[in-house]
Structures are given as C-alpha cells and as structure tokens.
N, C-alpha and C. Protein backbone atom coordinates (compact mmCIF):
# COMPACT_ATOMS: atom_id res chain seq x y z
N UNK A 1 -17.05 18.72 12.39
CA UNK A 1 -17.97 17.17 11.89
C UNK A 1 -17.56 17.13 10.09
N UNK A 2 -17.94 18.12 10.02
CA UNK A 2 -17.29 18.30 8.69
C UNK A 2 -15.99 17.43 7.98
N UNK A 3 -15.19 18.22 8.32
CA UNK A 3 -13.64 18.22 7.93
C UNK A 3 -13.62 16.74 8.75
N UNK A 4 -14.19 15.82 9.46
CA UNK A 4 -14.17 14.06 9.40
C UNK A 4 -14.52 13.63 8.34
N UNK A 5 -15.90 14.03 8.06
CA UNK A 5 -16.63 13.32 7.19
C UNK A 5 -15.46 13.18 5.75
N UNK A 6 -14.95 14.20 5.18
CA UNK A 6 -14.56 14.70 4.30
C UNK A 6 -13.08 13.83 4.34
N UNK A 7 -12.50 13.80 5.61
CA UNK A 7 -10.84 13.52 5.65
C UNK A 7 -11.35 11.68 5.76
N UNK A 8 -12.31 11.11 6.02
CA UNK A 8 -12.99 9.95 5.91
C UNK A 8 -12.99 9.55 4.48
N UNK A 9 -13.67 10.18 3.96
CA UNK A 9 -13.31 10.23 2.42
C UNK A 9 -12.42 9.42 1.73
N UNK A 10 -11.66 10.87 1.86
CA UNK A 10 -10.23 10.96 1.49
C UNK A 10 -9.40 9.12 1.89
N UNK A 11 -9.80 9.10 3.11
CA UNK A 11 -9.17 8.22 3.43
C UNK A 11 -9.63 6.55 2.55
N UNK A 12 -10.77 6.93 2.76
CA UNK A 12 -11.54 5.82 2.25
C UNK A 12 -12.05 5.59 0.34
N UNK A 13 -11.40 6.14 -0.08
CA UNK A 13 -10.81 6.35 -1.41
C UNK A 13 -9.67 5.94 -1.75
N UNK A 14 -8.24 6.19 -0.82
CA UNK A 14 -7.07 5.94 -0.90
C UNK A 14 -7.13 4.47 -0.31
N UNK A 15 -7.69 3.63 0.57
CA UNK A 15 -7.52 2.51 0.60
C UNK A 15 -8.23 1.81 -0.23
N UNK A 16 -9.09 2.04 -1.60
CA UNK A 16 -10.18 2.04 -2.51
C UNK A 16 -8.63 1.54 -3.28
N UNK A 17 -7.99 2.36 -3.42
CA UNK A 17 -7.14 3.03 -4.85
C UNK A 17 -5.85 2.72 -4.72
N UNK A 18 -5.02 2.35 -3.20
CA UNK A 18 -4.15 1.52 -2.91
C UNK A 18 -4.37 0.24 -3.18
N UNK A 19 -5.19 -0.03 -2.85
CA UNK A 19 -5.82 -1.74 -3.11
C UNK A 19 -5.93 -2.28 -4.39
N UNK A 20 -6.55 -1.97 -5.01
CA UNK A 20 -7.02 -1.68 -6.36
C UNK A 20 -5.25 -2.00 -7.06
N UNK A 21 -4.85 -0.51 -7.16
CA UNK A 21 -3.27 -0.40 -8.21
C UNK A 21 -2.16 -1.74 -7.78
N UNK A 22 -2.33 -1.84 -6.10
CA UNK A 22 -1.44 -3.11 -5.86
C UNK A 22 -2.03 -4.74 -6.13
N UNK A 23 -3.76 -5.02 -6.20
CA UNK A 23 -3.69 -5.94 -7.12
C UNK A 23 -3.55 -6.01 -8.96
N UNK A 24 -3.49 -5.05 -9.28
CA UNK A 24 -3.18 -5.15 -10.64
C UNK A 24 -1.36 -4.99 -11.20
N UNK A 25 -1.00 -4.80 -10.10
CA UNK A 25 0.54 -4.69 -10.82
C UNK A 25 0.59 -5.95 -10.70
N UNK A 26 0.24 -6.49 -9.38
CA UNK A 26 0.79 -8.10 -9.34
C UNK A 26 0.24 -8.96 -10.26
N UNK A 27 -1.37 -8.80 -10.62
CA UNK A 27 -1.22 -9.26 -11.77
C UNK A 27 -0.77 -9.03 -13.24
N UNK A 28 -0.71 -8.06 -13.22
CA UNK A 28 0.70 -7.59 -14.54
C UNK A 28 1.31 -8.39 -14.51
N UNK A 29 2.43 -8.83 -13.68
CA UNK A 29 3.82 -9.65 -13.34
C UNK A 29 3.71 -11.02 -13.43
N UNK A 30 2.31 -11.41 -12.78
CA UNK A 30 2.04 -12.79 -12.81
C UNK A 30 2.16 -13.70 -13.72
N UNK A 31 0.92 -12.71 -15.11
CA UNK A 31 0.81 -13.01 -16.14
C UNK A 31 1.85 -13.32 -16.94
N UNK A 32 2.99 -12.17 -17.17
CA UNK A 32 3.76 -12.19 -17.76
C UNK A 32 5.14 -13.28 -17.54
N UNK A 33 5.05 -13.51 -15.67
CA UNK A 33 5.69 -14.49 -15.41
C UNK A 33 5.46 -16.21 -16.26
N UNK A 34 3.89 -16.03 -15.82
CA UNK A 34 3.40 -17.60 -16.14
C UNK A 34 3.61 -17.59 -17.51
N UNK A 35 3.78 -16.22 -18.67
CA UNK A 35 4.04 -16.70 -20.23
C UNK A 35 5.80 -16.93 -20.46
N UNK A 36 6.46 -17.13 -18.97
CA UNK A 36 7.51 -17.13 -19.60
C UNK A 36 8.57 -15.90 -20.08
N UNK A 37 7.82 -14.50 -19.82
CA UNK A 37 8.08 -13.42 -20.68
C UNK A 37 8.77 -12.31 -19.86
N UNK A 38 8.98 -11.48 -20.09
CA UNK A 38 9.48 -10.19 -19.24
C UNK A 38 8.20 -9.00 -19.76
N UNK A 39 8.44 -8.38 -18.80
CA UNK A 39 7.23 -7.61 -19.50
C UNK A 39 7.63 -6.44 -20.12
N UNK A 40 7.24 -6.00 -21.37
CA UNK A 40 7.60 -5.17 -22.37
C UNK A 40 7.82 -3.70 -21.95
N UNK A 41 8.17 -2.95 -22.18
CA UNK A 41 8.38 -1.52 -21.93
C UNK A 41 6.99 -1.04 -21.75
N UNK A 42 6.66 -0.96 -22.73
CA UNK A 42 5.38 0.01 -21.98
C UNK A 42 4.48 -0.50 -21.17
N UNK A 43 4.27 -2.04 -20.85
CA UNK A 43 4.03 -2.66 -19.53
C UNK A 43 4.81 -2.64 -18.46
N UNK A 44 5.32 -2.74 -18.36
CA UNK A 44 6.56 -1.86 -17.70
C UNK A 44 6.42 -0.55 -16.80
N UNK A 45 6.14 0.51 -18.06
CA UNK A 45 5.96 2.01 -17.49
C UNK A 45 4.83 2.12 -16.51
N UNK A 46 3.68 1.36 -17.03
CA UNK A 46 2.51 1.05 -16.93
C UNK A 46 2.59 0.47 -15.23
N UNK A 47 3.12 -1.09 -14.76
CA UNK A 47 3.77 -0.79 -13.71
C UNK A 47 4.43 0.07 -12.57
N UNK A 48 5.33 1.15 -13.46
CA UNK A 48 5.63 1.66 -12.28
C UNK A 48 4.79 3.13 -12.03
N UNK A 49 3.69 2.96 -13.44
CA UNK A 49 2.81 4.26 -12.85
C UNK A 49 1.87 3.66 -11.75
N UNK A 50 1.49 2.64 -12.24
CA UNK A 50 0.64 1.67 -10.84
C UNK A 50 1.49 1.41 -9.52
N UNK A 51 2.34 1.33 -9.43
CA UNK A 51 3.63 1.66 -8.07
C UNK A 51 3.27 3.06 -7.51
N UNK A 52 3.77 4.01 -8.55
CA UNK A 52 3.65 5.94 -8.23
C UNK A 52 2.43 6.09 -7.54
N UNK A 53 1.20 5.37 -8.57
CA UNK A 53 -0.25 6.04 -7.87
C UNK A 53 -0.64 5.35 -6.38
N UNK A 54 -0.03 3.68 -6.18
CA UNK A 54 -0.17 3.22 -5.35
C UNK A 54 0.57 3.83 -4.12
N UNK A 55 1.84 4.23 -4.49
CA UNK A 55 2.21 5.20 -2.84
C UNK A 55 1.68 6.15 -2.73
N UNK A 56 1.27 6.77 -3.79
CA UNK A 56 0.61 8.17 -3.66
C UNK A 56 -1.09 8.01 -2.55
N UNK A 57 -1.13 6.97 -2.75
CA UNK A 57 -2.95 6.80 -2.23
C UNK A 57 -2.30 5.86 -0.84
N UNK A 58 -0.99 4.87 -0.65
CA UNK A 58 -0.68 4.66 0.70
C UNK A 58 -0.54 6.45 1.91
N UNK A 59 0.73 7.34 0.49
CA UNK A 59 0.98 8.28 1.38
C UNK A 59 -0.78 9.45 1.90
N UNK A 60 -1.61 9.24 1.41
CA UNK A 60 -2.38 9.87 1.22
C UNK A 60 -3.68 9.24 2.78
N UNK A 61 -3.33 7.52 2.70
CA UNK A 61 -4.13 7.09 4.06
C UNK A 61 -3.36 7.45 4.81
N UNK A 62 -1.76 7.93 4.97
CA UNK A 62 -0.51 8.34 6.46
C UNK A 62 -1.63 9.36 6.76
N UNK A 63 -1.40 9.97 5.85
CA UNK A 63 -2.14 12.06 6.20
C UNK A 63 -3.17 11.70 6.38
N UNK A 64 -3.99 11.44 5.88
CA UNK A 64 -6.06 11.23 5.95
C UNK A 64 -5.68 10.23 8.13
N UNK A 65 -5.27 9.66 7.79
CA UNK A 65 -5.46 8.94 9.07
C UNK A 65 -4.68 9.57 10.02
N UNK A 66 -3.60 9.73 10.26
CA UNK A 66 -3.02 10.71 11.40
C UNK A 66 -3.98 11.63 11.90
N UNK A 67 -4.49 12.64 10.34
CA UNK A 67 -4.94 13.47 10.86
C UNK A 67 -6.51 13.26 11.66
N UNK A 68 -6.78 12.04 10.77
CA UNK A 68 -8.61 11.20 11.86
C UNK A 68 -7.89 11.24 13.18
N UNK A 69 -6.61 10.89 13.05
CA UNK A 69 -6.70 10.24 14.32
C UNK A 69 -6.49 11.49 15.60
N UNK A 70 -5.95 12.49 15.40
CA UNK A 70 -5.72 13.45 16.40
C UNK A 70 -6.76 14.17 16.28
N UNK A 71 -7.75 14.39 15.27
CA UNK A 71 -8.86 14.79 15.23
C UNK A 71 -10.16 14.50 16.07
N UNK A 72 -10.10 12.87 15.93
CA UNK A 72 -10.98 11.89 17.22
C UNK A 72 -10.58 11.90 17.97
N UNK A 73 -9.48 11.77 18.38
CA UNK A 73 -8.96 10.99 19.20
C UNK A 73 -8.36 12.03 20.64
N UNK A 74 -7.36 12.86 19.54
CA UNK A 74 -6.54 14.00 20.50
C UNK A 74 -4.95 13.69 20.60
N UNK A 75 -5.05 12.21 20.65
CA UNK A 75 -3.62 11.30 21.18
C UNK A 75 -3.35 10.47 20.20
N UNK A 76 -2.10 9.43 20.34
CA UNK A 76 -2.01 8.92 19.27
C UNK A 76 -2.01 7.11 20.36
N UNK A 77 -2.09 7.41 21.52
CA UNK A 77 -1.58 6.81 23.05
C UNK A 77 -3.33 5.90 22.68
N UNK A 78 -3.25 5.20 21.93
CA UNK A 78 -4.82 4.22 21.84
C UNK A 78 -4.76 2.77 22.25
N UNK A 79 -3.71 1.99 22.36
CA UNK A 79 -3.72 0.93 22.56
C UNK A 79 -3.11 0.16 22.07
N UNK A 80 -2.92 -1.39 22.75
CA UNK A 80 -2.02 -2.23 21.44
C UNK A 80 -2.56 -2.70 19.64
N UNK A 81 -3.75 -3.04 19.91
CA UNK A 81 -4.34 -2.68 18.38
C UNK A 81 -4.33 -1.69 17.70
N UNK A 82 -3.74 -0.65 18.05
CA UNK A 82 -3.73 0.62 17.45
C UNK A 82 -2.57 0.65 16.96
N UNK A 83 -1.38 0.08 18.36
CA UNK A 83 0.32 0.15 17.50
C UNK A 83 0.83 -0.71 16.50
N UNK A 84 -0.64 -1.85 16.23
CA UNK A 84 -0.21 -3.38 16.33
C UNK A 84 -0.70 -2.92 14.47
N UNK A 85 -2.03 -2.15 14.62
CA UNK A 85 -1.84 -1.44 12.73
C UNK A 85 -0.88 -0.53 12.53
N UNK A 86 -0.53 0.42 13.39
CA UNK A 86 0.30 1.13 12.85
C UNK A 86 1.82 0.66 12.10
N UNK A 87 2.24 -0.24 12.69
CA UNK A 87 2.73 -1.84 12.60
C UNK A 87 2.66 -1.84 11.36
N UNK A 88 1.45 -2.72 10.88
CA UNK A 88 1.01 -3.41 9.90
C UNK A 88 1.21 -2.11 9.34
N UNK A 89 0.65 -0.72 9.35
CA UNK A 89 1.27 0.21 8.16
C UNK A 89 2.55 0.45 7.78
N UNK A 90 3.60 0.57 8.85
CA UNK A 90 4.51 1.04 8.54
C UNK A 90 5.09 0.25 7.63
N UNK A 91 5.09 -1.60 7.42
CA UNK A 91 5.85 -1.84 6.84
C UNK A 91 5.10 -2.70 5.26
N UNK A 92 3.66 -1.65 5.24
CA UNK A 92 3.03 -1.85 4.13
C UNK A 92 3.82 -0.60 2.82
N UNK A 93 3.83 0.83 4.04
CA UNK A 93 4.17 1.60 3.00
C UNK A 93 5.72 1.57 2.52
N UNK A 94 6.42 0.58 3.51
CA UNK A 94 8.34 0.66 3.47
C UNK A 94 8.48 -0.45 1.65
N UNK A 95 7.26 -1.25 1.93
CA UNK A 95 6.97 -2.28 1.00
C UNK A 95 6.99 -1.42 -0.67
N UNK A 96 5.48 -0.85 -0.40
CA UNK A 96 6.04 -0.26 -1.48
C UNK A 96 6.71 1.08 -2.13
N UNK A 97 7.35 1.60 -1.10
CA UNK A 97 7.90 2.60 -1.18
C UNK A 97 9.40 1.63 -1.86
N UNK A 98 9.36 0.52 -1.12
CA UNK A 98 10.77 -0.25 -1.46
C UNK A 98 10.63 -0.81 -3.21
N UNK A 99 9.31 -1.17 -3.39
CA UNK A 99 9.17 -1.46 -5.07
C UNK A 99 9.26 -0.31 -6.14
N UNK A 100 8.59 0.98 -4.96
CA UNK A 100 8.83 1.68 -6.68
C UNK A 100 10.34 2.48 -6.86
N UNK A 101 11.14 2.14 -5.67
CA UNK A 101 13.00 2.29 -5.88
C UNK A 101 13.20 1.95 -6.84
N UNK A 102 12.56 0.11 -6.65
CA UNK A 102 13.11 -1.40 -7.06
C UNK A 102 12.51 -0.50 -8.58
N UNK A 103 11.74 -0.43 -9.59
CA UNK A 103 10.79 -0.43 -10.52
C UNK A 103 11.94 1.19 -11.09
N UNK A 104 12.01 1.62 -10.67
CA UNK A 104 12.45 2.71 -10.78
C UNK A 104 14.02 2.58 -11.42
N UNK A 105 14.64 2.07 -10.55
CA UNK A 105 15.70 1.91 -10.96
C UNK A 105 15.64 0.45 -11.99
N UNK A 106 15.26 -0.43 -12.29
CA UNK A 106 15.28 -1.35 -13.02
C UNK A 106 14.84 -0.92 -14.22
N UNK A 107 13.86 0.40 -14.53
CA UNK A 107 13.20 0.81 -15.80
C UNK A 107 14.29 2.01 -15.92
N UNK A 108 15.23 2.59 -15.45
CA UNK A 108 15.97 3.48 -16.07
C UNK A 108 17.44 2.69 -16.72
N UNK A 109 17.62 1.44 -15.74
CA UNK A 109 18.57 0.49 -16.63
C UNK A 109 17.73 -0.03 -17.90
N UNK A 110 16.32 -0.41 -18.36
CA UNK A 110 16.06 -1.19 -19.45
C UNK A 110 15.97 -2.38 -19.07
N UNK A 111 15.64 -2.94 -17.78
CA UNK A 111 15.68 -4.13 -17.62
C UNK A 111 14.55 -4.66 -16.92
N UNK A 112 13.27 -5.24 -17.16
CA UNK A 112 12.63 -5.84 -15.95
C UNK A 112 12.53 -5.72 -14.52
N UNK A 113 11.66 -5.99 -13.82
CA UNK A 113 11.68 -5.99 -12.32
C UNK A 113 12.35 -7.16 -12.60
N UNK A 114 13.24 -7.62 -11.28
CA UNK A 114 14.04 -9.01 -10.42
C UNK A 114 12.64 -9.57 -9.85
N UNK A 115 12.70 -11.41 -10.23
CA UNK A 115 11.04 -12.05 -10.04
C UNK A 115 11.15 -12.03 -8.55
N UNK A 116 12.89 -12.21 -7.79
CA UNK A 116 12.86 -12.79 -6.44
C UNK A 116 11.40 -11.41 -5.68
N UNK A 117 12.30 -10.35 -6.18
CA UNK A 117 11.57 -9.00 -5.71
C UNK A 117 9.81 -8.66 -6.11
N UNK A 118 9.88 -9.47 -7.42
CA UNK A 118 8.37 -9.74 -7.39
C UNK A 118 7.54 -10.31 -6.84
N UNK A 119 8.51 -11.01 -6.51
CA UNK A 119 7.20 -12.45 -5.82
C UNK A 119 7.31 -11.94 -4.30
N UNK A 120 8.36 -11.32 -3.72
CA UNK A 120 8.38 -11.37 -2.10
C UNK A 120 7.67 -10.06 -1.88
N UNK A 121 7.65 -9.13 -2.29
CA UNK A 121 6.37 -7.71 -2.35
C UNK A 121 5.02 -8.27 -1.76
N UNK A 122 4.47 -9.31 -2.81
CA UNK A 122 3.21 -9.29 -2.95
C UNK A 122 2.34 -9.71 -1.51
N UNK A 123 3.50 -10.96 -0.52
CA UNK A 123 3.47 -11.72 0.61
C UNK A 123 3.79 -10.81 1.79
N UNK A 124 4.56 -9.92 1.70
CA UNK A 124 4.97 -8.52 2.59
C UNK A 124 3.91 -7.87 2.48
N UNK A 125 2.93 -7.23 1.69
CA UNK A 125 2.08 -6.31 1.68
C UNK A 125 0.90 -6.93 2.03
N UNK A 126 0.23 -8.69 1.78
CA UNK A 126 -0.71 -9.22 2.31
C UNK A 126 -0.54 -9.24 3.60
N UNK A 127 0.44 -9.33 3.98
CA UNK A 127 0.65 -9.69 5.52
C UNK A 127 0.36 -8.32 6.47
N UNK A 128 1.45 -7.42 5.94
CA UNK A 128 0.85 -6.55 6.32
C UNK A 128 -0.60 -5.67 6.23
N UNK A 129 -1.18 -5.73 4.90
CA UNK A 129 -2.30 -5.66 5.33
C UNK A 129 -3.43 -6.48 6.52
N UNK A 130 -3.18 -7.94 6.49
CA UNK A 130 -3.41 -8.63 7.79
C UNK A 130 -3.72 -8.37 8.59
N UNK A 131 -2.20 -7.21 8.60
CA UNK A 131 -1.93 -6.90 10.49
C UNK A 131 -3.02 -6.12 10.55
N UNK A 132 -2.94 -4.74 9.54
CA UNK A 132 -3.85 -3.81 9.54
C UNK A 132 -5.25 -3.69 10.02
N UNK A 133 -5.86 -4.96 8.66
CA UNK A 133 -7.02 -5.20 9.06
C UNK A 133 -7.30 -5.91 10.23
N UNK A 134 -7.03 -7.18 10.55
CA UNK A 134 -7.09 -7.47 12.03
C UNK A 134 -7.34 -6.38 13.72
N UNK A 135 -6.25 -5.44 12.98
CA UNK A 135 -5.67 -4.87 14.50
C UNK A 135 -6.97 -3.66 13.98
N UNK A 136 -7.41 -2.99 13.23
CA UNK A 136 -8.72 -1.98 12.96
C UNK A 136 -9.83 -2.76 13.28
N UNK A 137 -10.25 -4.42 13.07
CA UNK A 137 -11.17 -4.28 14.08
C UNK A 137 -10.68 -5.03 15.09
N UNK A 138 -10.36 -5.14 15.80
CA UNK A 138 -10.15 -4.88 17.62
C UNK A 138 -10.37 -3.73 17.70
N UNK A 139 -9.43 -2.64 16.90
CA UNK A 139 -9.28 -1.49 18.09
C UNK A 139 -11.03 -0.80 17.89
N UNK A 140 -11.70 -0.96 16.75
CA UNK A 140 -13.13 -0.37 16.69
C UNK A 140 -13.90 -1.20 17.05
N UNK A 141 -14.05 -2.30 17.59
CA UNK A 141 -15.01 -3.28 18.67
C UNK A 141 -14.88 -2.93 20.04
N UNK A 142 -16.55 -2.42 20.31
CA UNK A 142 -15.48 -2.24 21.85
C UNK A 142 -16.41 -2.73 23.10
N UNK A 143 -15.25 -2.99 23.80
CA UNK A 143 -15.89 -4.19 25.09
C UNK A 143 -14.36 -3.83 25.34
C-alpha cells in the first residue's frame, strides 16, 4: 500500500504542476498579445521551459496513472468513464507535445510562436481537461 501512496503523491504533484505551468504559459502569451508585441527572446525561452516542464509533468501523470491503474485494479477494462478519461488525457498529451514541438521549432528560427496555434491550444487543452475531470468524477463515484 505504501507504493500506492507514493505513486498518488507524485500523480497529484504532477497534476498541479502541469496545470500551473499551462496557465502561466497562456498568461504570458495573452499579455504579450494584448500589448501588441511578440514575446521577447528571454520570455520565449521561459515559455519554452514552461511547456517542456508541463510535458514532463503530463508524462509523469501518465506513468503514475498507468502504474496506479495496474496496481489498484489489475486491468484497464474499467468501463466507459475510464476510457473517456484516457481519451481526454491522450488529447491533452498530444496538444502539449505539439506545443512543445512548435515552440522548439520557432525558437530555433528565432521567431515568436504562431498566434493561431497559441489561440487554439488552450481551448483544446481545457476541453481535454474537462473530459478528464468529468470522467474521473463519474469513474470514482460508486453506484
């Protein structure tokens, strides 16, 4: 049972870290967009670092989540709500991975992130998070 507690601890820490980093990145971009100026190179580097840390946090969520599922349930055949949760988590992972690739490519070219991509990623990630959270609420409710 100790291993489950340790995995849950890292799972929750990763959840908070991923959420906070995502919010910080969006706020940085939105503030620059409102000011009508592209992020300066140091801010771009910070945004890239936030995106990379967010990706690491999401990967940690996946790893700990898969280990917890195996440890607690012994199977991944856990019903429709669980599969929707995994769908939302997959969309989230894909969006954050795509954002990391985009930011890396743009930084190498020394140009700011594309505004359309930066506008599309937040609603996609919010939608994915909504799917995950609703599915978790349904999945963990007895009855």
